[in-house]
Amino acid sequence: MNKLKLGLVYISILTGIVGFTYLSESAMVVRVLSVLIGFSLAAFIARYTTQGQDFYAFCRESSQETRKVVWPTRKETLQTSGLVFAFVVAMALFLWLIDAALMSIVKLTMGQDS
């Protein structure tokens, strides 16, 4: 029974895509609607397969775990973001100085005046 449902899923997806191609003369809204209907029907059927039930259970458990996460406060987020920004600016300045120094050394070595 599961293989039959999976077959119907593939047929629904294929029907949506073929409908998009077949309706090339129609308005884009109609073409996109055919794909959406095909994919929606496929998702509805897939929900009742063994793999679909496992995926649905996984999504539900993931959602529950997300609620358990202790998210940082606004203050902590701003402090961390500020620290990262400051580090990026400092690193950019450091690399710019190293680049300028190496460029000067190369110009002196090559005999070019700056």
PDB file of N, CA and C in Angstrom:
ATOM      1  N   MET A   1       0.826  -1.199   0.000  1.00  0.00           N
ATOM      2  CA  MET A   1       0.000   0.000   0.000  1.00  0.00           C
ATOM      3  C   MET A   1       0.871   1.264   0.000  1.00  0.00           C
ATOM      4  N   ASN A   2       1.999   1.174   0.722  1.00  0.00           N
ATOM      5  CA  ASN A   2       2.903   2.320   0.800  1.00  0.00           C
ATOM      6  C   ASN A   2       3.487   2.646  -0.577  1.00  0.00           C
ATOM      7  N   LYS A   3       3.832   1.592  -1.347  1.00  0.00           N
ATOM      8  CA  LYS A   3       4.391   1.817  -2.683  1.00  0.00           C
ATOM      9  C   LYS A   3       3.358   2.463  -3.604  1.00  0.00           C
ATOM     10  N   LEU A   4       2.108   2.079  -3.444  1.00  0.00           N
ATOM     11  CA  LEU A   4       1.040   2.684  -4.242  1.00  0.00           C
ATOM     12  C   LEU A   4       0.912   4.174  -3.928  1.00  0.00           C
ATOM     13  N   LYS A   5       0.969   4.508  -2.649  1.00  0.00           N
ATOM     14  CA  LYS A   5       0.878   5.922  -2.251  1.00  0.00           C
ATOM     15  C   LYS A   5       2.063   6.709  -2.799  1.00  0.00           C
ATOM     16  N   LEU A   6       3.271   6.128  -2.705  1.00  0.00           N
ATOM     17  CA  LEU A   6       4.448   6.817  -3.238  1.00  0.00           C
ATOM     18  C   LEU A   6       4.340   6.981  -4.752  1.00  0.00           C
ATOM     19  N   GLY A   7       3.782   5.981  -5.416  1.00  0.00           N
ATOM     20  CA  GLY A   7       3.551   6.102  -6.856  1.00  0.00           C
ATOM     21  C   GLY A   7       2.599   7.242  -7.170  1.00  0.00           C
ATOM     22  N   LEU A   8       1.542   7.371  -6.373  1.00  0.00           N
ATOM     23  CA  LEU A   8       0.599   8.474  -6.560  1.00  0.00           C
ATOM     24  C   LEU A   8       1.263   9.828  -6.301  1.00  0.00           C
ATOM     25  N   VAL A   9       2.190   9.859  -5.353  1.00  0.00           N
ATOM     26  CA  VAL A   9       2.934  11.097  -5.084  1.00  0.00           C
ATOM     27  C   VAL A   9       3.716  11.504  -6.329  1.00  0.00           C
ATOM     28  N   TYR A  10       4.454  10.562  -6.903  1.00  0.00           N
ATOM     29  CA  TYR A  10       5.249  10.865  -8.090  1.00  0.00           C
ATOM     30  C   TYR A  10       4.359  11.260  -9.266  1.00  0.00           C
ATOM     31  N   ILE A  11       3.239  10.574  -9.412  1.00  0.00           N
ATOM     32  CA  ILE A  11       2.312  10.905 -10.502  1.00  0.00           C
ATOM     33  C   ILE A  11       1.734  12.305 -10.305  1.00  0.00           C
ATOM     34  N   SER A  12       1.417  12.672  -9.072  1.00  0.00           N
ATOM     35  CA  SER A  12       0.878  14.010  -8.799  1.00  0.00           C
ATOM     36  C   SER A  12       1.891  15.093  -9.133  1.00  0.00           C
ATOM     37  N   ILE A  13       3.131  14.874  -8.741  1.00  0.00           N
ATOM     38  CA  ILE A  13       4.188  15.847  -9.050  1.00  0.00           C
ATOM     39  C   ILE A  13       4.364  15.958 -10.563  1.00  0.00           C
ATOM     40  N   LEU A  14       4.434  14.816 -11.220  1.00  0.00           N
ATOM     41  CA  LEU A  14       4.612  14.804 -12.668  1.00  0.00           C
ATOM     42  C   LEU A  14       3.435  15.468 -13.378  1.00  0.00           C
ATOM     43  N   THR A  15       2.230  15.232 -12.878  1.00  0.00           N
ATOM     44  CA  THR A  15       1.042  15.853 -13.470  1.00  0.00           C
ATOM     45  C   THR A  15       1.104  17.375 -13.347  1.00  0.00           C
ATOM     46  N   GLY A  16       1.539  17.871 -12.200  1.00  0.00           N
ATOM     47  CA  GLY A  16       1.674  19.316 -12.027  1.00  0.00           C
ATOM     48  C   GLY A  16       2.676  19.917 -12.993  1.00  0.00           C
ATOM     49  N   ILE A  17       3.803  19.238 -13.173  1.00  0.00           N
ATOM     50  CA  ILE A  17       4.843  19.742 -14.073  1.00  0.00           C
ATOM     51  C   ILE A  17       4.380  19.661 -15.528  1.00  0.00           C
ATOM     52  N   VAL A  18       3.759  18.533 -15.888  1.00  0.00           N
ATOM     53  CA  VAL A  18       3.247  18.389 -17.256  1.00  0.00           C
ATOM     54  C   VAL A  18       2.150  19.418 -17.512  1.00  0.00           C
ATOM     55  N   GLY A  19       1.309  19.666 -16.512  1.00  0.00           N
ATOM     56  CA  GLY A  19       0.271  20.685 -16.654  1.00  0.00           C
ATOM     57  C   GLY A  19       0.867  22.055 -16.909  1.00  0.00           C
ATOM     58  N   PHE A  20       1.957  22.369 -16.239  1.00  0.00           N
ATOM     59  CA  PHE A  20       2.639  23.648 -16.451  1.00  0.00           C
ATOM     60  C   PHE A  20       3.107  23.759 -17.900  1.00  0.00           C
ATOM     61  N   THR A  21       3.674  22.672 -18.405  1.00  0.00           N
ATOM     62  CA  THR A  21       4.172  22.677 -19.778  1.00  0.00           C
ATOM     63  C   THR A  21       3.022  22.685 -20.785  1.00  0.00           C
ATOM     64  N   TYR A  22       2.010  21.881 -20.523  1.00  0.00           N
ATOM     65  CA  TYR A  22       0.876  21.756 -21.444  1.00  0.00           C
ATOM     66  C   TYR A  22       0.091  23.059 -21.549  1.00  0.00           C
ATOM     67  N   LEU A  23       0.006  23.801 -20.479  1.00  0.00           N
ATOM     68  CA  LEU A  23      -0.759  25.048 -20.455  1.00  0.00           C
ATOM     69  C   LEU A  23       0.094  26.256 -20.846  1.00  0.00           C
ATOM     70  N   SER A  24       1.048  26.050 -21.740  1.00  0.00           N
ATOM     71  CA  SER A  24       1.972  27.128 -22.108  1.00  0.00           C
ATOM     72  C   SER A  24       1.262  28.330 -22.727  1.00  0.00           C
ATOM     73  N   GLU A  25       0.091  28.120 -23.303  1.00  0.00           N
ATOM     74  CA  GLU A  25      -0.663  29.215 -23.907  1.00  0.00           C
ATOM     75  C   GLU A  25      -1.490  29.978 -22.872  1.00  0.00           C
ATOM     76  N   SER A  26      -1.669  29.406 -21.699  1.00  0.00           N
ATOM     77  CA  SER A  26      -2.508  30.015 -20.659  1.00  0.00           C
ATOM     78  C   SER A  26      -1.725  31.056 -19.869  1.00  0.00           C
ATOM     79  N   ALA A  27      -2.446  31.776 -19.038  1.00  0.00           N
ATOM     80  CA  ALA A  27      -1.813  32.787 -18.187  1.00  0.00           C
ATOM     81  C   ALA A  27      -0.875  32.099 -17.192  1.00  0.00           C
ATOM     82  N   MET A  28       0.145  32.818 -16.788  1.00  0.00           N
ATOM     83  CA  MET A  28       1.137  32.259 -15.873  1.00  0.00           C
ATOM     84  C   MET A  28       0.493  31.838 -14.552  1.00  0.00           C
ATOM     85  N   VAL A  29      -0.531  32.552 -14.128  1.00  0.00           N
ATOM     86  CA  VAL A  29      -1.211  32.214 -12.876  1.00  0.00           C
ATOM     87  C   VAL A  29      -1.796  30.808 -12.957  1.00  0.00           C
ATOM     88  N   VAL A  30      -2.408  30.483 -14.080  1.00  0.00           N
ATOM     89  CA  VAL A  30      -3.008  29.160 -14.270  1.00  0.00           C
ATOM     90  C   VAL A  30      -1.922  28.093 -14.290  1.00  0.00           C
ATOM     91  N   ARG A  31      -0.816  28.389 -14.952  1.00  0.00           N
ATOM     92  CA  ARG A  31       0.287  27.425 -15.038  1.00  0.00           C
ATOM     93  C   ARG A  31       0.877  27.154 -13.661  1.00  0.00           C
ATOM     94  N   VAL A  32       1.123  28.212 -12.902  1.00  0.00           N
ATOM     95  CA  VAL A  32       1.687  28.044 -11.560  1.00  0.00           C
ATOM     96  C   VAL A  32       0.687  27.335 -10.656  1.00  0.00           C
ATOM     97  N   LEU A  33      -0.580  27.638 -10.830  1.00  0.00           N
ATOM     98  CA  LEU A  33      -1.625  26.985 -10.039  1.00  0.00           C
ATOM     99  C   LEU A  33      -1.642  25.482 -10.295  1.00  0.00           C
ATOM    100  N   SER A  34      -1.401  25.066 -11.531  1.00  0.00           N
ATOM    101  CA  SER A  34      -1.372  23.629 -11.819  1.00  0.00           C
ATOM    102  C   SER A  34      -0.224  22.951 -11.083  1.00  0.00           C
ATOM    103  N   VAL A  35       0.926  23.610 -11.029  1.00  0.00           N
ATOM    104  CA  VAL A  35       2.063  23.050 -10.294  1.00  0.00           C
ATOM    105  C   VAL A  35       1.758  23.011  -8.801  1.00  0.00           C
ATOM    106  N   LEU A  36       1.191  24.086  -8.277  1.00  0.00           N
ATOM    107  CA  LEU A  36       0.870  24.125  -6.849  1.00  0.00           C
ATOM    108  C   LEU A  36      -0.145  23.057  -6.468  1.00  0.00           C
ATOM    109  N   ILE A  37      -1.136  22.857  -7.307  1.00  0.00           N
ATOM    110  CA  ILE A  37      -2.129  21.818  -7.021  1.00  0.00           C
ATOM    111  C   ILE A  37      -1.474  20.438  -7.054  1.00  0.00           C
ATOM    112  N   GLY A  38      -0.633  20.195  -8.051  1.00  0.00           N
ATOM    113  CA  GLY A  38       0.062  18.908  -8.142  1.00  0.00           C
ATOM    114  C   GLY A  38       0.939  18.646  -6.937  1.00  0.00           C
ATOM    115  N   PHE A  39       1.711  19.652  -6.533  1.00  0.00           N
ATOM    116  CA  PHE A  39       2.604  19.484  -5.389  1.00  0.00           C
ATOM    117  C   PHE A  39       1.819  19.388  -4.082  1.00  0.00           C
ATOM    118  N   SER A  40       0.729  20.127  -3.971  1.00  0.00           N
ATOM    119  CA  SER A  40      -0.091  20.056  -2.757  1.00  0.00           C
ATOM    120  C   SER A  40      -0.732  18.683  -2.619  1.00  0.00           C
ATOM    121  N   LEU A  41      -1.237  18.162  -3.715  1.00  0.00           N
ATOM    122  CA  LEU A  41      -1.821  16.823  -3.692  1.00  0.00           C
ATOM    123  C   LEU A  41      -0.758  15.787  -3.341  1.00  0.00           C
ATOM    124  N   ALA A  42       0.436  15.953  -3.899  1.00  0.00           N
ATOM    125  CA  ALA A  42       1.533  15.033  -3.595  1.00  0.00           C
ATOM    126  C   ALA A  42       1.896  15.100  -2.113  1.00  0.00           C
ATOM    127  N   ALA A  43       1.956  16.301  -1.556  1.00  0.00           N
ATOM    128  CA  ALA A  43       2.286  16.450  -0.135  1.00  0.00           C
ATOM    129  C   ALA A  43       1.204  15.830   0.738  1.00  0.00           C
ATOM    130  N   PHE A  44      -0.058  16.002   0.342  1.00  0.00           N
ATOM    131  CA  PHE A  44      -1.166  15.430   1.111  1.00  0.00           C
ATOM    132  C   PHE A  44      -1.088  13.904   1.112  1.00  0.00           C
ATOM    133  N   ILE A  45      -0.818  13.324  -0.049  1.00  0.00           N
ATOM    134  CA  ILE A  45      -0.715  11.865  -0.131  1.00  0.00           C
ATOM    135  C   ILE A  45       0.528  11.382   0.608  1.00  0.00           C
ATOM    136  N   ALA A  46       1.651  12.096   0.439  1.00  0.00           N
ATOM    137  CA  ALA A  46       2.907  11.689   1.077  1.00  0.00           C
ATOM    138  C   ALA A  46       2.802  11.708   2.590  1.00  0.00           C
ATOM    139  N   ARG A  47       1.960  12.558   3.116  1.00  0.00           N
ATOM    140  CA  ARG A  47       1.777  12.650   4.572  1.00  0.00           C
ATOM    141  C   ARG A  47       1.315  11.322   5.158  1.00  0.00           C
ATOM    142  N   TYR A  48       0.614  10.522   4.380  1.00  0.00           N
ATOM    143  CA  TYR A  48       0.046   9.270   4.871  1.00  0.00           C
ATOM    144  C   TYR A  48       0.874   8.047   4.492  1.00  0.00           C
ATOM    145  N   THR A  49       2.087   8.259   3.957  1.00  0.00           N
ATOM    146  CA  THR A  49       3.001   7.144   3.735  1.00  0.00           C
ATOM    147  C   THR A  49       3.818   6.931   4.998  1.00  0.00           C
ATOM    148  N   THR A  50       4.531   5.825   5.050  1.00  0.00           N
ATOM    149  CA  THR A  50       5.380   5.540   6.211  1.00  0.00           C
ATOM    150  C   THR A  50       6.436   6.628   6.373  1.00  0.00           C
ATOM    151  N   GLN A  51       7.085   6.987   5.265  1.00  0.00           N
ATOM    152  CA  GLN A  51       8.111   8.024   5.314  1.00  0.00           C
ATOM    153  C   GLN A  51       7.503   9.369   5.682  1.00  0.00           C
ATOM    154  N   GLY A  52       6.313   9.637   5.190  1.00  0.00           N
ATOM    155  CA  GLY A  52       5.642  10.899   5.506  1.00  0.00           C
ATOM    156  C   GLY A  52       5.290  11.002   6.976  1.00  0.00           C
ATOM    157  N   GLN A  53       4.838   9.903   7.563  1.00  0.00           N
ATOM    158  CA  GLN A  53       4.514   9.910   8.988  1.00  0.00           C
ATOM    159  C   GLN A  53       5.773  10.106   9.825  1.00  0.00           C
ATOM    160  N   ASP A  54       6.879   9.460   9.401  1.00  0.00           N
ATOM    161  CA  ASP A  54       8.150   9.657  10.107  1.00  0.00           C
ATOM    162  C   ASP A  54       8.600  11.114  10.010  1.00  0.00           C
ATOM    163  N   PHE A  55       8.471  11.702   8.827  1.00  0.00           N
ATOM    164  CA  PHE A  55       8.869  13.095   8.629  1.00  0.00           C
ATOM    165  C   PHE A  55       8.002  14.037   9.456  1.00  0.00           C
ATOM    166  N   TYR A  56       6.714  13.770   9.490  1.00  0.00           N
ATOM    167  CA  TYR A  56       5.793  14.598  10.271  1.00  0.00           C
ATOM    168  C   TYR A  56       6.136  14.518  11.759  1.00  0.00           C
ATOM    169  N   ALA A  57       6.442  13.311  12.246  1.00  0.00           N
ATOM    170  CA  ALA A  57       6.837  13.144  13.652  1.00  0.00           C
ATOM    171  C   ALA A  57       8.143  13.888  13.926  1.00  0.00           C
ATOM    172  N   PHE A  58       9.079  13.816  12.983  1.00  0.00           N
ATOM    173  CA  PHE A  58      10.346  14.527  13.140  1.00  0.00           C
ATOM    174  C   PHE A  58      10.117  16.033  13.227  1.00  0.00           C
ATOM    175  N   CYS A  59       9.258  16.564  12.358  1.00  0.00           N
ATOM    176  CA  CYS A  59       8.965  18.007  12.374  1.00  0.00           C
ATOM    177  C   CYS A  59       8.313  18.424  13.684  1.00  0.00           C
ATOM    178  N   ARG A  60       7.403  17.598  14.178  1.00  0.00           N
ATOM    179  CA  ARG A  60       6.725  17.913  15.435  1.00  0.00           C
ATOM    180  C   ARG A  60       7.726  17.917  16.598  1.00  0.00           C
ATOM    181  N   GLU A  61       8.612  16.907  16.643  1.00  0.00           N
ATOM    182  CA  GLU A  61       9.620  16.847  17.700  1.00  0.00           C
ATOM    183  C   GLU A  61      10.602  18.011  17.591  1.00  0.00           C
ATOM    184  N   SER A  62      10.965  18.374  16.366  1.00  0.00           N
ATOM    185  CA  SER A  62      11.880  19.505  16.170  1.00  0.00           C
ATOM    186  C   SER A  62      11.253  20.795  16.668  1.00  0.00           C
ATOM    187  N   SER A  63       9.975  20.955  16.401  1.00  0.00           N
ATOM    188  CA  SER A  63       9.267  22.141  16.866  1.00  0.00           C
ATOM    189  C   SER A  63       9.240  22.195  18.391  1.00  0.00           C
ATOM    190  N   GLN A  64       9.016  21.055  19.019  1.00  0.00           N
ATOM    191  CA  GLN A  64       9.009  21.008  20.483  1.00  0.00           C
ATOM    192  C   GLN A  64      10.389  21.328  21.046  1.00  0.00           C
ATOM    193  N   GLU A  65      11.438  20.821  20.410  1.00  0.00           N
ATOM    194  CA  GLU A  65      12.799  21.096  20.873  1.00  0.00           C
ATOM    195  C   GLU A  65      13.156  22.569  20.692  1.00  0.00           C
ATOM    196  N   THR A  66      12.665  23.181  19.626  1.00  0.00           N
ATOM    197  CA  THR A  66      12.937  24.601  19.385  1.00  0.00           C
ATOM    198  C   THR A  66      12.352  25.456  20.498  1.00  0.00           C
ATOM    199  N   ARG A  67      11.192  25.052  20.999  1.00  0.00           N
ATOM    200  CA  ARG A  67      10.576  25.804  22.098  1.00  0.00           C
ATOM    201  C   ARG A  67      11.377  25.680  23.389  1.00  0.00           C
ATOM    202  N   LYS A  68      12.157  24.608  23.530  1.00  0.00           N
ATOM    203  CA  LYS A  68      12.942  24.392  24.748  1.00  0.00           C
ATOM    204  C   LYS A  68      14.248  25.193  24.750  1.00  0.00           C
ATOM    205  N   VAL A  69      14.661  25.677  23.592  1.00  0.00           N
ATOM    206  CA  VAL A  69      15.931  26.392  23.483  1.00  0.00           C
ATOM    207  C   VAL A  69      15.861  27.688  24.282  1.00  0.00           C
ATOM    208  N   VAL A  70      16.939  27.978  24.992  1.00  0.00           N
ATOM    209  CA  VAL A  70      17.031  29.241  25.720  1.00  0.00           C
ATOM    210  C   VAL A  70      17.678  30.247  24.768  1.00  0.00           C
ATOM    211  N   TRP A  71      16.866  31.146  24.251  1.00  0.00           N
ATOM    212  CA  TRP A  71      17.345  32.121  23.285  1.00  0.00           C
ATOM    213  C   TRP A  71      18.003  33.289  24.016  1.00  0.00           C
ATOM    214  N   PRO A  72      19.027  33.900  23.403  1.00  0.00           N
ATOM    215  CA  PRO A  72      19.679  35.041  24.058  1.00  0.00           C
ATOM    216  C   PRO A  72      18.741  36.246  24.131  1.00  0.00           C
ATOM    217  N   THR A  73      18.994  37.076  25.136  1.00  0.00           N
ATOM    218  CA  THR A  73      18.192  38.290  25.269  1.00  0.00           C
ATOM    219  C   THR A  73      18.630  39.293  24.206  1.00  0.00           C
ATOM    220  N   ARG A  74      17.852  40.349  24.063  1.00  0.00           N
ATOM    221  CA  ARG A  74      18.191  41.386  23.084  1.00  0.00           C
ATOM    222  C   ARG A  74      19.543  42.007  23.426  1.00  0.00           C
ATOM    223  N   LYS A  75      19.789  42.228  24.711  1.00  0.00           N
ATOM    224  CA  LYS A  75      21.046  42.835  25.144  1.00  0.00           C
ATOM    225  C   LYS A  75      22.223  41.929  24.784  1.00  0.00           C
ATOM    226  N   GLU A  76      22.096  40.632  25.062  1.00  0.00           N
ATOM    227  CA  GLU A  76      23.177  39.696  24.741  1.00  0.00           C
ATOM    228  C   GLU A  76      23.422  39.632  23.234  1.00  0.00           C
ATOM    229  N   THR A  77      22.348  39.656  22.470  1.00  0.00           N
ATOM    230  CA  THR A  77      22.474  39.610  21.014  1.00  0.00           C
ATOM    231  C   THR A  77      23.196  40.847  20.493  1.00  0.00           C
ATOM    232  N   LEU A  78      22.817  42.022  20.995  1.00  0.00           N
ATOM    233  CA  LEU A  78      23.466  43.257  20.553  1.00  0.00           C
ATOM    234  C   LEU A  78      24.931  43.291  20.971  1.00  0.00           C
ATOM    235  N   GLN A  79      25.240  42.828  22.185  1.00  0.00           N
ATOM    236  CA  GLN A  79      26.632  42.812  22.640  1.00  0.00           C
ATOM    237  C   GLN A  79      27.481  41.878  21.777  1.00  0.00           C
ATOM    238  N   THR A  80      26.966  40.701  21.507  1.00  0.00           N
ATOM    239  CA  THR A  80      27.714  39.744  20.699  1.00  0.00           C
ATOM    240  C   THR A  80      27.890  40.257  19.276  1.00  0.00           C
ATOM    241  N   SER A  81      26.833  40.820  18.707  1.00  0.00           N
ATOM    242  CA  SER A  81      26.923  41.366  17.350  1.00  0.00           C
ATOM    243  C   SER A  81      27.914  42.520  17.294  1.00  0.00           C
ATOM    244  N   GLY A  82      27.903  43.370  18.311  1.00  0.00           N
ATOM    245  CA  GLY A  82      28.854  44.476  18.371  1.00  0.00           C
ATOM    246  C   GLY A  82      30.285  43.987  18.458  1.00  0.00           C
ATOM    247  N   LEU A  83      30.508  42.948  19.250  1.00  0.00           N
ATOM    248  CA  LEU A  83      31.849  42.382  19.388  1.00  0.00           C
ATOM    249  C   LEU A  83      32.326  41.793  18.061  1.00  0.00           C
ATOM    250  N   VAL A  84      31.449  41.085  17.379  1.00  0.00           N
ATOM    251  CA  VAL A  84      31.803  40.514  16.079  1.00  0.00           C
ATOM    252  C   VAL A  84      32.108  41.631  15.083  1.00  0.00           C
ATOM    253  N   PHE A  85      31.293  42.683  15.057  1.00  0.00           N
ATOM    254  CA  PHE A  85      31.518  43.802  14.148  1.00  0.00           C
ATOM    255  C   PHE A  85      32.863  44.469  14.437  1.00  0.00           C
ATOM    256  N   ALA A  86      33.162  44.688  15.717  1.00  0.00           N
ATOM    257  CA  ALA A  86      34.436  45.316  16.095  1.00  0.00           C
ATOM    258  C   ALA A  86      35.614  44.445  15.666  1.00  0.00           C
ATOM    259  N   PHE A  87      35.488  43.139  15.843  1.00  0.00           N
ATOM    260  CA  PHE A  87      36.563  42.238  15.438  1.00  0.00           C
ATOM    261  C   PHE A  87      36.761  42.279  13.925  1.00  0.00           C
ATOM    262  N   VAL A  88      35.672  42.316  13.170  1.00  0.00           N
ATOM    263  CA  VAL A  88      35.772  42.368  11.711  1.00  0.00           C
ATOM    264  C   VAL A  88      36.461  43.655  11.270  1.00  0.00           C
ATOM    265  N   VAL A  89      36.110  44.777  11.880  1.00  0.00           N
ATOM    266  CA  VAL A  89      36.746  46.055  11.539  1.00  0.00           C
ATOM    267  C   VAL A  89      38.231  46.017  11.891  1.00  0.00           C
ATOM    268  N   ALA A  90      38.560  45.504  13.080  1.00  0.00           N
ATOM    269  CA  ALA A  90      39.960  45.421  13.497  1.00  0.00           C
ATOM    270  C   ALA A  90      40.753  44.522  12.553  1.00  0.00           C
ATOM    271  N   MET A  91      40.181  43.392  12.180  1.00  0.00           N
ATOM    272  CA  MET A  91      40.875  42.471  11.277  1.00  0.00           C
ATOM    273  C   MET A  91      41.050  43.101   9.899  1.00  0.00           C
ATOM    274  N   ALA A  92      40.052  43.840   9.420  1.00  0.00           N
ATOM    275  CA  ALA A  92      40.158  44.509   8.124  1.00  0.00           C
ATOM    276  C   ALA A  92      41.277  45.547   8.150  1.00  0.00           C
ATOM    277  N   LEU A  93      41.359  46.326   9.222  1.00  0.00           N
ATOM    278  CA  LEU A  93      42.440  47.313   9.345  1.00  0.00           C
ATOM    279  C   LEU A  93      43.806  46.632   9.408  1.00  0.00           C
ATOM    280  N   PHE A  94      43.896  45.555  10.164  1.00  0.00           N
ATOM    281  CA  PHE A  94      45.153  44.818  10.280  1.00  0.00           C
ATOM    282  C   PHE A  94      45.591  44.295   8.912  1.00  0.00           C
ATOM    283  N   LEU A  95      44.678  43.679   8.186  1.00  0.00           N
ATOM    284  CA  LEU A  95      45.025  43.147   6.868  1.00  0.00           C
ATOM    285  C   LEU A  95      45.362  44.263   5.884  1.00  0.00           C
ATOM    286  N   TRP A  96      44.689  45.412   6.005  1.00  0.00           N
ATOM    287  CA  TRP A  96      45.006  46.545   5.142  1.00  0.00           C
ATOM    288  C   TRP A  96      46.431  47.037   5.416  1.00  0.00           C
ATOM    289  N   LEU A  97      46.799  47.121   6.698  1.00  0.00           N
ATOM    290  CA  LEU A  97      48.156  47.549   7.052  1.00  0.00           C
ATOM    291  C   LEU A  97      49.203  46.559   6.543  1.00  0.00           C
ATOM    292  N   ILE A  98      48.949  45.276   6.706  1.00  0.00           N
ATOM    293  CA  ILE A  98      49.881  44.261   6.214  1.00  0.00           C
ATOM    294  C   ILE A  98      50.003  44.365   4.692  1.00  0.00           C
ATOM    295  N   ASP A  99      48.889  44.547   4.007  1.00  0.00           N
ATOM    296  CA  ASP A  99      48.892  44.675   2.553  1.00  0.00           C
ATOM    297  C   ASP A  99      49.693  45.900   2.125  1.00  0.00           C
ATOM    298  N   ALA A 100      49.479  47.023   2.802  1.00  0.00           N
ATOM    299  CA  ALA A 100      50.209  48.251   2.460  1.00  0.00           C
ATOM    300  C   ALA A 100      51.705  48.075   2.702  1.00  0.00           C
ATOM    301  N   ALA A 101      52.067  47.430   3.804  1.00  0.00           N
ATOM    302  CA  ALA A 101      53.486  47.208   4.098  1.00  0.00           C
ATOM    303  C   ALA A 101      54.120  46.296   3.055  1.00  0.00           C
ATOM    304  N   LEU A 102      53.445  45.224   2.718  1.00  0.00           N
ATOM    305  CA  LEU A 102      53.990  44.313   1.711  1.00  0.00           C
ATOM    306  C   LEU A 102      54.084  44.988   0.347  1.00  0.00           C
ATOM    307  N   MET A 103      53.111  45.829   0.017  1.00  0.00           N
ATOM    308  CA  MET A 103      53.148  46.550  -1.256  1.00  0.00           C
ATOM    309  C   MET A 103      54.349  47.493  -1.290  1.00  0.00           C
ATOM    310  N   SER A 104      54.618  48.167  -0.182  1.00  0.00           N
ATOM    311  CA  SER A 104      55.783  49.062  -0.117  1.00  0.00           C
ATOM    312  C   SER A 104      57.074  48.276  -0.276  1.00  0.00           C
ATOM    313  N   ILE A 105      57.154  47.126   0.369  1.00  0.00           N
ATOM    314  CA  ILE A 105      58.357  46.292   0.262  1.00  0.00           C
ATOM    315  C   ILE A 105      58.549  45.822  -1.177  1.00  0.00           C
ATOM    316  N   VAL A 106      57.480  45.406  -1.823  1.00  0.00           N
ATOM    317  CA  VAL A 106      57.573  44.942  -3.212  1.00  0.00           C
ATOM    318  C   VAL A 106      57.992  46.089  -4.122  1.00  0.00           C
ATOM    319  N   LYS A 107      57.433  47.277  -3.919  1.00  0.00           N
ATOM    320  CA  LYS A 107      57.800  48.427  -4.753  1.00  0.00           C
ATOM    321  C   LYS A 107      59.266  48.794  -4.556  1.00  0.00           C
ATOM    322  N   LEU A 108      59.754  48.755  -3.305  1.00  0.00           N
ATOM    323  CA  LEU A 108      61.168  49.043  -3.053  1.00  0.00           C
ATOM    324  C   LEU A 108      62.053  47.989  -3.707  1.00  0.00           C
ATOM    325  N   THR A 109      61.642  46.738  -3.618  1.00  0.00           N
ATOM    326  CA  THR A 109      62.417  45.652  -4.207  1.00  0.00           C
ATOM    327  C   THR A 109      62.462  45.770  -5.727  1.00  0.00           C
ATOM    328  N   MET A 110      61.365  46.182  -6.322  1.00  0.00           N
ATOM    329  CA  MET A 110      61.279  46.304  -7.776  1.00  0.00           C
ATOM    330  C   MET A 110      61.897  47.608  -8.274  1.00  0.00           C
ATOM    331  N   GLY A 111      62.251  48.491  -7.370  1.00  0.00           N
ATOM    332  CA  GLY A 111      62.868  49.746  -7.758  1.00  0.00           C
ATOM    333  C   GLY A 111      61.877  50.806  -8.195  1.00  0.00           C
ATOM    334  N   GLN A 112      60.637  50.659  -7.832  1.00  0.00           N
ATOM    335  CA  GLN A 112      59.630  51.657  -8.178  1.00  0.00           C
ATOM    336  C   GLN A 112      59.481  52.615  -7.012  1.00  0.00           C
ATOM    337  N   ASP A 113      59.363  53.901  -7.354  1.00  0.00           N
ATOM    338  CA  ASP A 113      59.128  54.878  -6.296  1.00  0.00           C
ATOM    339  C   ASP A 113      57.631  55.003  -6.072  1.00  0.00           C
ATOM    340  N   SER A 114      57.251  55.159  -4.804  1.00  0.00           N
ATOM    341  CA  SER A 114      55.823  55.288  -4.515  1.00  0.00           C
ATOM    342  C   SER A 114      55.413  56.705  -4.354  1.00  0.00           C
TER     343      SER A 114
END
